[in-house]
Amino acid sequence: MRKGVKRLNNITVMILNAFMYFILILCLLFYNRKVVSDDLKKITRYEYGWIFIATFFGGLIGNLLYYYVLKKGEAAILTALMYTAPVVTLICAYFILKDKITPSYRYFSYSYGCSMYLFKIK
């Protein structure tokens, strides 16, 4: 992976990554178009502005940090940290938003935490 990234221009890799995510999001939106259209009608113009700003700067900062850490550190550690994002999101949703966590998500979190612990031991 690292050799392939080194052969390409850095900006090209970031643009291809962003384009791939954009296509995947469009596919997901098309698949759930009824739910999405109902939700979009409820959002005000002010909220659209904040969503755009948060998305733009969050994506920009995330991509720049990803590239910086990939360039300076080990790809294995970066990959492990990236894959912990769903667990961190689940924990934040439970404590901040007071979401209910189903048993399947609990099982996922425990198994994921154990796998990250075993990865760290190695």
PDB file of N, CA and C in Angstrom:
ATOM      1  N   MET A   1       0.827  -1.192   0.000  1.00  0.00           N
ATOM      2  CA  MET A   1       0.000   0.000   0.000  1.00  0.00           C
ATOM      3  C   MET A   1       0.866   1.249   0.000  1.00  0.00           C
ATOM      4  N   ARG A   2       1.861   1.259   0.857  1.00  0.00           N
ATOM      5  CA  ARG A   2       2.699   2.444   0.967  1.00  0.00           C
ATOM      6  C   ARG A   2       3.496   2.683  -0.317  1.00  0.00           C
ATOM      7  N   LYS A   3       3.967   1.602  -0.964  1.00  0.00           N
ATOM      8  CA  LYS A   3       4.712   1.766  -2.207  1.00  0.00           C
ATOM      9  C   LYS A   3       3.819   2.316  -3.306  1.00  0.00           C
ATOM     10  N   GLY A   4       2.575   1.846  -3.343  1.00  0.00           N
ATOM     11  CA  GLY A   4       1.636   2.348  -4.337  1.00  0.00           C
ATOM     12  C   GLY A   4       1.308   3.809  -4.123  1.00  0.00           C
ATOM     13  N   VAL A   5       1.211   4.214  -2.875  1.00  0.00           N
ATOM     14  CA  VAL A   5       0.908   5.610  -2.562  1.00  0.00           C
ATOM     15  C   VAL A   5       2.097   6.496  -2.902  1.00  0.00           C
ATOM     16  N   LYS A   6       3.303   6.003  -2.705  1.00  0.00           N
ATOM     17  CA  LYS A   6       4.489   6.813  -2.989  1.00  0.00           C
ATOM     18  C   LYS A   6       4.644   7.079  -4.483  1.00  0.00           C
ATOM     19  N   ARG A   7       4.164   6.152  -5.329  1.00  0.00           N
ATOM     20  CA  ARG A   7       4.284   6.350  -6.772  1.00  0.00           C
ATOM     21  C   ARG A   7       3.315   7.405  -7.294  1.00  0.00           C
ATOM     22  N   LEU A   8       2.209   7.599  -6.619  1.00  0.00           N
ATOM     23  CA  LEU A   8       1.219   8.579  -7.052  1.00  0.00           C
ATOM     24  C   LEU A   8       1.475   9.928  -6.396  1.00  0.00           C
ATOM     25  N   ASN A   9       0.983  10.951  -7.042  1.00  0.00           N
ATOM     26  CA  ASN A   9       1.048  12.285  -6.473  1.00  0.00           C
ATOM     27  C   ASN A   9       0.148  12.333  -5.235  1.00  0.00           C
ATOM     28  N   ASN A  10       0.563  13.035  -4.208  1.00  0.00           N
ATOM     29  CA  ASN A  10      -0.191  13.082  -2.954  1.00  0.00           C
ATOM     30  C   ASN A  10      -1.587  13.666  -3.138  1.00  0.00           C
ATOM     31  N   ILE A  11      -1.677  14.707  -3.908  1.00  0.00           N
ATOM     32  CA  ILE A  11      -2.977  15.337  -4.145  1.00  0.00           C
ATOM     33  C   ILE A  11      -3.892  14.384  -4.904  1.00  0.00           C
ATOM     34  N   THR A  12      -3.335  13.625  -5.831  1.00  0.00           N
ATOM     35  CA  THR A  12      -4.131  12.670  -6.604  1.00  0.00           C
ATOM     36  C   THR A  12      -4.737  11.610  -5.697  1.00  0.00           C
ATOM     37  N   VAL A  13      -3.973  11.128  -4.753  1.00  0.00           N
ATOM     38  CA  VAL A  13      -4.472  10.111  -3.824  1.00  0.00           C
ATOM     39  C   VAL A  13      -5.614  10.672  -2.986  1.00  0.00           C
ATOM     40  N   MET A  14      -5.466  11.886  -2.498  1.00  0.00           N
ATOM     41  CA  MET A  14      -6.521  12.484  -1.683  1.00  0.00           C
ATOM     42  C   MET A  14      -7.786  12.730  -2.504  1.00  0.00           C
ATOM     43  N   ILE A  15      -7.621  13.166  -3.755  1.00  0.00           N
ATOM     44  CA  ILE A  15      -8.787  13.412  -4.606  1.00  0.00           C
ATOM     45  C   ILE A  15      -9.488  12.106  -4.937  1.00  0.00           C
ATOM     46  N   LEU A  16      -8.729  11.061  -5.249  1.00  0.00           N
ATOM     47  CA  LEU A  16      -9.337   9.761  -5.537  1.00  0.00           C
ATOM     48  C   LEU A  16     -10.069   9.209  -4.316  1.00  0.00           C
ATOM     49  N   ASN A  17      -9.490   9.386  -3.154  1.00  0.00           N
ATOM     50  CA  ASN A  17     -10.126   8.940  -1.915  1.00  0.00           C
ATOM     51  C   ASN A  17     -11.447   9.680  -1.690  1.00  0.00           C
ATOM     52  N   ALA A  18     -11.424  10.988  -1.845  1.00  0.00           N
ATOM     53  CA  ALA A  18     -12.644  11.779  -1.654  1.00  0.00           C
ATOM     54  C   ALA A  18     -13.700  11.416  -2.696  1.00  0.00           C
ATOM     55  N   PHE A  19     -13.286  11.204  -3.931  1.00  0.00           N
ATOM     56  CA  PHE A  19     -14.235  10.840  -4.992  1.00  0.00           C
ATOM     57  C   PHE A  19     -14.873   9.484  -4.713  1.00  0.00           C
ATOM     58  N   MET A  20     -14.079   8.534  -4.235  1.00  0.00           N
ATOM     59  CA  MET A  20     -14.612   7.210  -3.922  1.00  0.00           C
ATOM     60  C   MET A  20     -15.666   7.298  -2.813  1.00  0.00           C
ATOM     61  N   TYR A  21     -15.382   8.054  -1.761  1.00  0.00           N
ATOM     62  CA  TYR A  21     -16.359   8.219  -0.690  1.00  0.00           C
ATOM     63  C   TYR A  21     -17.613   8.937  -1.184  1.00  0.00           C
ATOM     64  N   PHE A  22     -17.436   9.908  -2.064  1.00  0.00           N
ATOM     65  CA  PHE A  22     -18.578  10.633  -2.613  1.00  0.00           C
ATOM     66  C   PHE A  22     -19.499   9.697  -3.392  1.00  0.00           C
ATOM     67  N   ILE A  23     -18.934   8.829  -4.205  1.00  0.00           N
ATOM     68  CA  ILE A  23     -19.729   7.869  -4.977  1.00  0.00           C
ATOM     69  C   ILE A  23     -20.456   6.901  -4.037  1.00  0.00           C
ATOM     70  N   LEU A  24     -19.771   6.425  -3.010  1.00  0.00           N
ATOM     71  CA  LEU A  24     -20.408   5.520  -2.054  1.00  0.00           C
ATOM     72  C   LEU A  24     -21.559   6.197  -1.306  1.00  0.00           C
ATOM     73  N   ILE A  25     -21.381   7.453  -0.940  1.00  0.00           N
ATOM     74  CA  ILE A  25     -22.448   8.177  -0.254  1.00  0.00           C
ATOM     75  C   ILE A  25     -23.635   8.395  -1.185  1.00  0.00           C
ATOM     76  N   LEU A  26     -23.366   8.705  -2.452  1.00  0.00           N
ATOM     77  CA  LEU A  26     -24.466   8.860  -3.406  1.00  0.00           C
ATOM     78  C   LEU A  26     -25.251   7.563  -3.571  1.00  0.00           C
ATOM     79  N   CYS A  27     -24.558   6.442  -3.612  1.00  0.00           N
ATOM     80  CA  CYS A  27     -25.246   5.147  -3.707  1.00  0.00           C
ATOM     81  C   CYS A  27     -26.123   4.906  -2.482  1.00  0.00           C
ATOM     82  N   LEU A  28     -25.607   5.227  -1.316  1.00  0.00           N
ATOM     83  CA  LEU A  28     -26.379   5.058  -0.083  1.00  0.00           C
ATOM     84  C   LEU A  28     -27.590   5.989  -0.055  1.00  0.00           C
ATOM     85  N   LEU A  29     -27.407   7.223  -0.488  1.00  0.00           N
ATOM     86  CA  LEU A  29     -28.527   8.162  -0.532  1.00  0.00           C
ATOM     87  C   LEU A  29     -29.592   7.707  -1.520  1.00  0.00           C
ATOM     88  N   PHE A  30     -29.173   7.192  -2.659  1.00  0.00           N
ATOM     89  CA  PHE A  30     -30.135   6.708  -3.647  1.00  0.00           C
ATOM     90  C   PHE A  30     -30.903   5.506  -3.113  1.00  0.00           C
ATOM     91  N   TYR A  31     -30.224   4.644  -2.397  1.00  0.00           N
ATOM     92  CA  TYR A  31     -30.867   3.456  -1.833  1.00  0.00           C
ATOM     93  C   TYR A  31     -31.914   3.836  -0.783  1.00  0.00           C
ATOM     94  N   ASN A  32     -31.634   4.869   0.003  1.00  0.00           N
ATOM     95  CA  ASN A  32     -32.541   5.325   1.069  1.00  0.00           C
ATOM     96  C   ASN A  32     -33.200   6.656   0.712  1.00  0.00           C
ATOM     97  N   ARG A  33     -33.563   6.860  -0.536  1.00  0.00           N
ATOM     98  CA  ARG A  33     -34.029   8.167  -0.994  1.00  0.00           C
ATOM     99  C   ARG A  33     -35.308   8.643  -0.306  1.00  0.00           C
ATOM    100  N   LYS A  34     -36.196   7.757   0.085  1.00  0.00           N
ATOM    101  CA  LYS A  34     -37.442   8.164   0.738  1.00  0.00           C
ATOM    102  C   LYS A  34     -37.152   8.749   2.123  1.00  0.00           C
ATOM    103  N   VAL A  35     -36.350   8.069   2.894  1.00  0.00           N
ATOM    104  CA  VAL A  35     -36.006   8.547   4.242  1.00  0.00           C
ATOM    105  C   VAL A  35     -35.214   9.841   4.156  1.00  0.00           C
ATOM    106  N   VAL A  36     -34.277   9.894   3.214  1.00  0.00           N
ATOM    107  CA  VAL A  36     -33.433  11.081   3.077  1.00  0.00           C
ATOM    108  C   VAL A  36     -34.267  12.285   2.660  1.00  0.00           C
ATOM    109  N   SER A  37     -35.185  12.108   1.719  1.00  0.00           N
ATOM    110  CA  SER A  37     -35.995  13.245   1.270  1.00  0.00           C
ATOM    111  C   SER A  37     -36.893  13.762   2.392  1.00  0.00           C
ATOM    112  N   ASP A  38     -37.419  12.872   3.210  1.00  0.00           N
ATOM    113  CA  ASP A  38     -38.234  13.315   4.350  1.00  0.00           C
ATOM    114  C   ASP A  38     -37.404  14.101   5.356  1.00  0.00           C
ATOM    115  N   ASP A  39     -36.178  13.657   5.599  1.00  0.00           N
ATOM    116  CA  ASP A  39     -35.311  14.350   6.554  1.00  0.00           C
ATOM    117  C   ASP A  39     -34.818  15.688   6.011  1.00  0.00           C
ATOM    118  N   LEU A  40     -34.543  15.757   4.712  1.00  0.00           N
ATOM    119  CA  LEU A  40     -34.041  17.003   4.131  1.00  0.00           C
ATOM    120  C   LEU A  40     -35.081  18.115   4.177  1.00  0.00           C
ATOM    121  N   LYS A  41     -36.351  17.760   4.151  1.00  0.00           N
ATOM    122  CA  LYS A  41     -37.412  18.767   4.218  1.00  0.00           C
ATOM    123  C   LYS A  41     -37.473  19.425   5.593  1.00  0.00           C
ATOM    124  N   LYS A  42     -36.969  18.771   6.610  1.00  0.00           N
ATOM    125  CA  LYS A  42     -37.033  19.293   7.978  1.00  0.00           C
ATOM    126  C   LYS A  42     -35.872  20.230   8.322  1.00  0.00           C
ATOM    127  N   ILE A  43     -34.813  20.233   7.515  1.00  0.00           N
ATOM    128  CA  ILE A  43     -33.609  21.011   7.822  1.00  0.00           C
ATOM    129  C   ILE A  43     -33.772  22.446   7.319  1.00  0.00           C
ATOM    130  N   THR A  44     -33.402  23.408   8.160  1.00  0.00           N
ATOM    131  CA  THR A  44     -33.486  24.820   7.776  1.00  0.00           C
ATOM    132  C   THR A  44     -32.233  25.235   7.009  1.00  0.00           C
ATOM    133  N   ARG A  45     -32.303  26.418   6.393  1.00  0.00           N
ATOM    134  CA  ARG A  45     -31.168  26.938   5.623  1.00  0.00           C
ATOM    135  C   ARG A  45     -29.963  27.189   6.540  1.00  0.00           C
ATOM    136  N   TYR A  46     -30.206  27.657   7.747  1.00  0.00           N
ATOM    137  CA  TYR A  46     -29.139  27.897   8.720  1.00  0.00           C
ATOM    138  C   TYR A  46     -28.423  26.590   9.064  1.00  0.00           C
ATOM    139  N   GLU A  47     -29.188  25.529   9.254  1.00  0.00           N
ATOM    140  CA  GLU A  47     -28.598  24.225   9.570  1.00  0.00           C
ATOM    141  C   GLU A  47     -27.810  23.671   8.392  1.00  0.00           C
ATOM    142  N   TYR A  48     -28.272  23.921   7.159  1.00  0.00           N
ATOM    143  CA  TYR A  48     -27.511  23.500   5.985  1.00  0.00           C
ATOM    144  C   TYR A  48     -26.128  24.142   5.967  1.00  0.00           C
ATOM    145  N   GLY A  49     -26.065  25.418   6.343  1.00  0.00           N
ATOM    146  CA  GLY A  49     -24.776  26.105   6.390  1.00  0.00           C
ATOM    147  C   GLY A  49     -23.826  25.470   7.389  1.00  0.00           C
ATOM    148  N   TRP A  50     -24.324  25.166   8.578  1.00  0.00           N
ATOM    149  CA  TRP A  50     -23.478  24.535   9.595  1.00  0.00           C
ATOM    150  C   TRP A  50     -23.068  23.125   9.190  1.00  0.00           C
ATOM    151  N   ILE A  51     -23.962  22.406   8.549  1.00  0.00           N
ATOM    152  CA  ILE A  51     -23.617  21.058   8.080  1.00  0.00           C
ATOM    153  C   ILE A  51     -22.512  21.137   7.038  1.00  0.00           C
ATOM    154  N   PHE A  52     -22.616  22.100   6.117  1.00  0.00           N
ATOM    155  CA  PHE A  52     -21.588  22.255   5.092  1.00  0.00           C
ATOM    156  C   PHE A  52     -20.239  22.613   5.707  1.00  0.00           C
ATOM    157  N   ILE A  53     -20.236  23.567   6.628  1.00  0.00           N
ATOM    158  CA  ILE A  53     -18.980  23.991   7.259  1.00  0.00           C
ATOM    159  C   ILE A  53     -18.347  22.838   8.031  1.00  0.00           C
ATOM    160  N   ALA A  54     -19.148  22.127   8.818  1.00  0.00           N
ATOM    161  CA  ALA A  54     -18.612  21.008   9.604  1.00  0.00           C
ATOM    162  C   ALA A  54     -18.093  19.897   8.702  1.00  0.00           C
ATOM    163  N   THR A  55     -18.813  19.614   7.636  1.00  0.00           N
ATOM    164  CA  THR A  55     -18.382  18.562   6.720  1.00  0.00           C
ATOM    165  C   THR A  55     -17.110  18.952   5.989  1.00  0.00           C
ATOM    166  N   PHE A  56     -17.059  20.182   5.508  1.00  0.00           N
ATOM    167  CA  PHE A  56     -15.894  20.625   4.743  1.00  0.00           C
ATOM    168  C   PHE A  56     -14.636  20.622   5.602  1.00  0.00           C
ATOM    169  N   PHE A  57     -14.697  21.291   6.746  1.00  0.00           N
ATOM    170  CA  PHE A  57     -13.504  21.377   7.581  1.00  0.00           C
ATOM    171  C   PHE A  57     -13.171  20.051   8.253  1.00  0.00           C
ATOM    172  N   GLY A  58     -14.181  19.286   8.624  1.00  0.00           N
ATOM    173  CA  GLY A  58     -13.918  17.965   9.196  1.00  0.00           C
ATOM    174  C   GLY A  58     -13.243  17.041   8.200  1.00  0.00           C
ATOM    175  N   GLY A  59     -13.723  17.043   6.975  1.00  0.00           N
ATOM    176  CA  GLY A  59     -13.103  16.216   5.939  1.00  0.00           C
ATOM    177  C   GLY A  59     -11.705  16.686   5.589  1.00  0.00           C
ATOM    178  N   LEU A  60     -11.529  17.993   5.498  1.00  0.00           N
ATOM    179  CA  LEU A  60     -10.217  18.543   5.167  1.00  0.00           C
ATOM    180  C   LEU A  60      -9.197  18.220   6.255  1.00  0.00           C
ATOM    181  N   ILE A  61      -9.549  18.474   7.489  1.00  0.00           N
ATOM    182  CA  ILE A  61      -8.629  18.202   8.596  1.00  0.00           C
ATOM    183  C   ILE A  61      -8.374  16.705   8.726  1.00  0.00           C
ATOM    184  N   GLY A  62      -9.422  15.904   8.578  1.00  0.00           N
ATOM    185  CA  GLY A  62      -9.256  14.450   8.658  1.00  0.00           C
ATOM    186  C   GLY A  62      -8.325  13.908   7.593  1.00  0.00           C
ATOM    187  N   ASN A  63      -8.486  14.365   6.359  1.00  0.00           N
ATOM    188  CA  ASN A  63      -7.613  13.894   5.283  1.00  0.00           C
ATOM    189  C   ASN A  63      -6.181  14.364   5.462  1.00  0.00           C
ATOM    190  N   LEU A  64      -6.001  15.608   5.882  1.00  0.00           N
ATOM    191  CA  LEU A  64      -4.640  16.101   6.091  1.00  0.00           C
ATOM    192  C   LEU A  64      -3.940  15.358   7.226  1.00  0.00           C
ATOM    193  N   LEU A  65      -4.651  15.108   8.319  1.00  0.00           N
ATOM    194  CA  LEU A  65      -4.054  14.354   9.423  1.00  0.00           C
ATOM    195  C   LEU A  65      -3.764  12.913   9.025  1.00  0.00           C
ATOM    196  N   TYR A  66      -4.676  12.308   8.262  1.00  0.00           N
ATOM    197  CA  TYR A  66      -4.457  10.942   7.784  1.00  0.00           C
ATOM    198  C   TYR A  66      -3.195  10.873   6.935  1.00  0.00           C
ATOM    199  N   TYR A  67      -3.032  11.803   6.018  1.00  0.00           N
ATOM    200  CA  TYR A  67      -1.855  11.805   5.160  1.00  0.00           C
ATOM    201  C   TYR A  67      -0.587  12.058   5.974  1.00  0.00           C
ATOM    202  N   TYR A  68      -0.644  12.992   6.916  1.00  0.00           N
ATOM    203  CA  TYR A  68       0.526  13.311   7.726  1.00  0.00           C
ATOM    204  C   TYR A  68       0.968  12.110   8.556  1.00  0.00           C
ATOM    205  N   VAL A  69       0.029  11.448   9.220  1.00  0.00           N
ATOM    206  CA  VAL A  69       0.373  10.299  10.064  1.00  0.00           C
ATOM    207  C   VAL A  69       0.843   9.132   9.206  1.00  0.00           C
ATOM    208  N   LEU A  70       0.233   8.948   8.038  1.00  0.00           N
ATOM    209  CA  LEU A  70       0.667   7.877   7.145  1.00  0.00           C
ATOM    210  C   LEU A  70       2.083   8.121   6.648  1.00  0.00           C
ATOM    211  N   LYS A  71       2.416   9.379   6.420  1.00  0.00           N
ATOM    212  CA  LYS A  71       3.753   9.719   5.943  1.00  0.00           C
ATOM    213  C   LYS A  71       4.801   9.587   7.056  1.00  0.00           C
ATOM    214  N   LYS A  72       4.438   9.955   8.285  1.00  0.00           N
ATOM    215  CA  LYS A  72       5.404   9.966   9.380  1.00  0.00           C
ATOM    216  C   LYS A  72       5.423   8.684  10.210  1.00  0.00           C
ATOM    217  N   GLY A  73       4.318   7.971  10.275  1.00  0.00           N
ATOM    218  CA  GLY A  73       4.228   6.825  11.175  1.00  0.00           C
ATOM    219  C   GLY A  73       4.059   5.516  10.438  1.00  0.00           C
ATOM    220  N   GLU A  74       3.619   4.520  11.185  1.00  0.00           N
ATOM    221  CA  GLU A  74       3.403   3.196  10.618  1.00  0.00           C
ATOM    222  C   GLU A  74       1.969   3.060  10.139  1.00  0.00           C
ATOM    223  N   ALA A  75       1.823   2.402   9.008  1.00  0.00           N
ATOM    224  CA  ALA A  75       0.492   2.220   8.434  1.00  0.00           C
ATOM    225  C   ALA A  75      -0.361   1.294   9.299  1.00  0.00           C
ATOM    226  N   ALA A  76       0.244   0.322   9.958  1.00  0.00           N
ATOM    227  CA  ALA A  76      -0.523  -0.625  10.777  1.00  0.00           C
ATOM    228  C   ALA A  76      -1.168   0.073  11.971  1.00  0.00           C
ATOM    229  N   ILE A  77      -0.439   0.963  12.612  1.00  0.00           N
ATOM    230  CA  ILE A  77      -0.986   1.686  13.760  1.00  0.00           C
ATOM    231  C   ILE A  77      -2.093   2.634  13.308  1.00  0.00           C
ATOM    232  N   LEU A  78      -1.869   3.303  12.189  1.00  0.00           N
ATOM    233  CA  LEU A  78      -2.879   4.212  11.669  1.00  0.00           C
ATOM    234  C   LEU A  78      -4.154   3.466  11.296  1.00  0.00           C
ATOM    235  N   THR A  79      -4.009   2.324  10.690  1.00  0.00           N
ATOM    236  CA  THR A  79      -5.174   1.533  10.306  1.00  0.00           C
ATOM    237  C   THR A  79      -5.950   1.080  11.538  1.00  0.00           C
ATOM    238  N   ALA A  80      -5.240   0.645  12.555  1.00  0.00           N
ATOM    239  CA  ALA A  80      -5.914   0.220  13.788  1.00  0.00           C
ATOM    240  C   ALA A  80      -6.654   1.384  14.437  1.00  0.00           C
ATOM    241  N   LEU A  81      -6.058   2.553  14.446  1.00  0.00           N
ATOM    242  CA  LEU A  81      -6.730   3.719  15.018  1.00  0.00           C
ATOM    243  C   LEU A  81      -7.953   4.125  14.205  1.00  0.00           C
ATOM    244  N   MET A  82      -7.845   4.036  12.888  1.00  0.00           N
ATOM    245  CA  MET A  82      -8.986   4.391  12.042  1.00  0.00           C
ATOM    246  C   MET A  82     -10.153   3.446  12.257  1.00  0.00           C
ATOM    247  N   TYR A  83      -9.858   2.182  12.456  1.00  0.00           N
ATOM    248  CA  TYR A  83     -10.936   1.215  12.615  1.00  0.00           C
ATOM    249  C   TYR A  83     -11.573   1.261  14.001  1.00  0.00           C
ATOM    250  N   THR A  84     -11.025   2.045  14.910  1.00  0.00           N
ATOM    251  CA  THR A  84     -11.680   2.218  16.207  1.00  0.00           C
ATOM    252  C   THR A  84     -12.749   3.304  16.168  1.00  0.00           C
ATOM    253  N   ALA A  85     -12.864   4.017  15.072  1.00  0.00           N
ATOM    254  CA  ALA A  85     -13.849   5.101  14.963  1.00  0.00           C
ATOM    255  C   ALA A  85     -15.284   4.641  15.221  1.00  0.00           C
ATOM    256  N   PRO A  86     -15.742   3.490  14.705  1.00  0.00           N
ATOM    257  CA  PRO A  86     -17.121   3.083  15.013  1.00  0.00           C
ATOM    258  C   PRO A  86     -17.360   2.840  16.502  1.00  0.00           C
ATOM    259  N   VAL A  87     -16.368   2.311  17.186  1.00  0.00           N
ATOM    260  CA  VAL A  87     -16.532   2.053  18.620  1.00  0.00           C
ATOM    261  C   VAL A  87     -16.585   3.372  19.386  1.00  0.00           C
ATOM    262  N   VAL A  88     -15.731   4.310  19.028  1.00  0.00           N
ATOM    263  CA  VAL A  88     -15.746   5.619  19.680  1.00  0.00           C
ATOM    264  C   VAL A  88     -17.081   6.318  19.417  1.00  0.00           C
ATOM    265  N   THR A  89     -17.584   6.207  18.197  1.00  0.00           N
ATOM    266  CA  THR A  89     -18.881   6.791  17.867  1.00  0.00           C
ATOM    267  C   THR A  89     -19.994   6.149  18.677  1.00  0.00           C
ATOM    268  N   LEU A  90     -19.929   4.848  18.840  1.00  0.00           N
ATOM    269  CA  LEU A  90     -20.937   4.132  19.619  1.00  0.00           C
ATOM    270  C   LEU A  90     -20.916   4.573  21.081  1.00  0.00           C
ATOM    271  N   ILE A  91     -19.737   4.723  21.640  1.00  0.00           N
ATOM    272  CA  ILE A  91     -19.608   5.159  23.035  1.00  0.00           C
ATOM    273  C   ILE A  91     -20.122   6.588  23.198  1.00  0.00           C
ATOM    274  N   CYS A  92     -19.767   7.470  22.264  1.00  0.00           N
ATOM    275  CA  CYS A  92     -20.255   8.853  22.329  1.00  0.00           C
ATOM    276  C   CYS A  92     -21.770   8.915  22.181  1.00  0.00           C
ATOM    277  N   ALA A  93     -22.332   8.095  21.299  1.00  0.00           N
ATOM    278  CA  ALA A  93     -23.789   8.079  21.124  1.00  0.00           C
ATOM    279  C   ALA A  93     -24.481   7.618  22.397  1.00  0.00           C
ATOM    280  N   TYR A  94     -23.885   6.682  23.091  1.00  0.00           N
ATOM    281  CA  TYR A  94     -24.492   6.181  24.323  1.00  0.00           C
ATOM    282  C   TYR A  94     -24.457   7.231  25.428  1.00  0.00           C
ATOM    283  N   PHE A  95     -23.307   7.873  25.623  1.00  0.00           N
ATOM    284  CA  PHE A  95     -23.168   8.800  26.739  1.00  0.00           C
ATOM    285  C   PHE A  95     -23.687  10.203  26.420  1.00  0.00           C
ATOM    286  N   ILE A  96     -23.473  10.689  25.223  1.00  0.00           N
ATOM    287  CA  ILE A  96     -23.863  12.059  24.897  1.00  0.00           C
ATOM    288  C   ILE A  96     -25.313  12.135  24.425  1.00  0.00           C
ATOM    289  N   LEU A  97     -25.681  11.266  23.485  1.00  0.00           N
ATOM    290  CA  LEU A  97     -27.030  11.315  22.911  1.00  0.00           C
ATOM    291  C   LEU A  97     -28.033  10.433  23.634  1.00  0.00           C
ATOM    292  N   LYS A  98     -27.547   9.639  24.588  1.00  0.00           N
ATOM    293  CA  LYS A  98     -28.401   8.717  25.355  1.00  0.00           C
ATOM    294  C   LYS A  98     -29.112   7.705  24.453  1.00  0.00           C
ATOM    295  N   ASP A  99     -28.419   7.249  23.405  1.00  0.00           N
ATOM    296  CA  ASP A  99     -28.972   6.219  22.524  1.00  0.00           C
ATOM    297  C   ASP A  99     -28.991   4.876  23.224  1.00  0.00           C
ATOM    298  N   LYS A 100     -29.928   4.063  22.847  1.00  0.00           N
ATOM    299  CA  LYS A 100     -29.990   2.685  23.349  1.00  0.00           C
ATOM    300  C   LYS A 100     -29.071   1.823  22.487  1.00  0.00           C
ATOM    301  N   ILE A 101     -28.312   0.964  23.134  1.00  0.00           N
ATOM    302  CA  ILE A 101     -27.394   0.082  22.417  1.00  0.00           C
ATOM    303  C   ILE A 101     -27.967  -1.324  22.454  1.00  0.00           C
ATOM    304  N   THR A 102     -28.160  -1.890  21.282  1.00  0.00           N
ATOM    305  CA  THR A 102     -28.723  -3.236  21.183  1.00  0.00           C
ATOM    306  C   THR A 102     -27.660  -4.265  21.535  1.00  0.00           C
ATOM    307  N   PRO A 103     -28.054  -5.483  21.879  1.00  0.00           N
ATOM    308  CA  PRO A 103     -27.075  -6.528  22.203  1.00  0.00           C
ATOM    309  C   PRO A 103     -26.094  -6.816  21.067  1.00  0.00           C
ATOM    310  N   SER A 104     -26.541  -6.691  19.827  1.00  0.00           N
ATOM    311  CA  SER A 104     -25.613  -6.944  18.717  1.00  0.00           C
ATOM    312  C   SER A 104     -24.502  -5.900  18.683  1.00  0.00           C
ATOM    313  N   TYR A 105     -24.824  -4.640  18.997  1.00  0.00           N
ATOM    314  CA  TYR A 105     -23.792  -3.614  19.051  1.00  0.00           C
ATOM    315  C   TYR A 105     -22.866  -3.821  20.244  1.00  0.00           C
ATOM    316  N   ARG A 106     -23.415  -4.295  21.353  1.00  0.00           N
ATOM    317  CA  ARG A 106     -22.554  -4.606  22.498  1.00  0.00           C
ATOM    318  C   ARG A 106     -21.571  -5.710  22.142  1.00  0.00           C
ATOM    319  N   TYR A 107     -22.060  -6.741  21.495  1.00  0.00           N
ATOM    320  CA  TYR A 107     -21.187  -7.837  21.076  1.00  0.00           C
ATOM    321  C   TYR A 107     -20.115  -7.321  20.126  1.00  0.00           C
ATOM    322  N   PHE A 108     -20.517  -6.479  19.191  1.00  0.00           N
ATOM    323  CA  PHE A 108     -19.563  -5.892  18.253  1.00  0.00           C
ATOM    324  C   PHE A 108     -18.495  -5.099  18.994  1.00  0.00           C
ATOM    325  N   SER A 109     -18.912  -4.288  19.958  1.00  0.00           N
ATOM    326  CA  SER A 109     -17.953  -3.461  20.697  1.00  0.00           C
ATOM    327  C   SER A 109     -16.976  -4.303  21.503  1.00  0.00           C
ATOM    328  N   TYR A 110     -17.492  -5.327  22.184  1.00  0.00           N
ATOM    329  CA  TYR A 110     -16.609  -6.184  22.977  1.00  0.00           C
ATOM    330  C   TYR A 110     -15.624  -6.935  22.088  1.00  0.00           C
ATOM    331  N   SER A 111     -16.117  -7.502  21.003  1.00  0.00           N
ATOM    332  CA  SER A 111     -15.223  -8.258  20.121  1.00  0.00           C
ATOM    333  C   SER A 111     -14.212  -7.338  19.457  1.00  0.00           C
ATOM    334  N   TYR A 112     -14.641  -6.148  19.125  1.00  0.00           N
ATOM    335  CA  TYR A 112     -13.731  -5.200  18.500  1.00  0.00           C
ATOM    336  C   TYR A 112     -12.668  -4.734  19.489  1.00  0.00           C
ATOM    337  N   GLY A 113     -13.078  -4.467  20.710  1.00  0.00           N
ATOM    338  CA  GLY A 113     -12.118  -4.078  21.734  1.00  0.00           C
ATOM    339  C   GLY A 113     -11.105  -5.166  22.020  1.00  0.00           C
ATOM    340  N   CYS A 114     -11.570  -6.415  22.066  1.00  0.00           N
ATOM    341  CA  CYS A 114     -10.648  -7.539  22.282  1.00  0.00           C
ATOM    342  C   CYS A 114      -9.671  -7.676  21.126  1.00  0.00           C
ATOM    343  N   SER A 115     -10.151  -7.503  19.909  1.00  0.00           N
ATOM    344  CA  SER A 115      -9.248  -7.628  18.763  1.00  0.00           C
ATOM    345  C   SER A 115      -8.214  -6.510  18.753  1.00  0.00           C
ATOM    346  N   MET A 116      -8.609  -5.293  19.154  1.00  0.00           N
ATOM    347  CA  MET A 116      -7.641  -4.196  19.222  1.00  0.00           C
ATOM    348  C   MET A 116      -6.617  -4.449  20.332  1.00  0.00           C
ATOM    349  N   TYR A 117      -7.067  -5.033  21.440  1.00  0.00           N
ATOM    350  CA  TYR A 117      -6.149  -5.361  22.522  1.00  0.00           C
ATOM    351  C   TYR A 117      -5.148  -6.417  22.061  1.00  0.00           C
ATOM    352  N   LEU A 118      -5.630  -7.444  21.375  1.00  0.00           N
ATOM    353  CA  LEU A 118      -4.729  -8.477  20.866  1.00  0.00           C
ATOM    354  C   LEU A 118      -3.783  -7.921  19.815  1.00  0.00           C
ATOM    355  N   PHE A 119      -4.263  -6.986  19.019  1.00  0.00           N
ATOM    356  CA  PHE A 119      -3.407  -6.355  18.020  1.00  0.00           C
ATOM    357  C   PHE A 119      -2.301  -5.562  18.700  1.00  0.00           C
ATOM    358  N   LYS A 120      -2.632  -4.916  19.809  1.00  0.00           N
ATOM    359  CA  LYS A 120      -1.651  -4.130  20.550  1.00  0.00           C
ATOM    360  C   LYS A 120      -0.597  -5.027  21.192  1.00  0.00           C
ATOM    361  N   ILE A 121      -1.014  -6.190  21.683  1.00  0.00           N
ATOM    362  CA  ILE A 121      -0.070  -7.108  22.325  1.00  0.00           C
ATOM    363  C   ILE A 121       0.973  -7.596  21.333  1.00  0.00           C
ATOM    364  N   LYS A 122       0.540  -7.876  20.125  1.00  0.00           N
ATOM    365  CA  LYS A 122       1.459  -8.397  19.113  1.00  0.00           C
ATOM    366  C   LYS A 122       2.520  -7.381  18.836  1.00  0.00           C
TER     367      LYS A 122
END
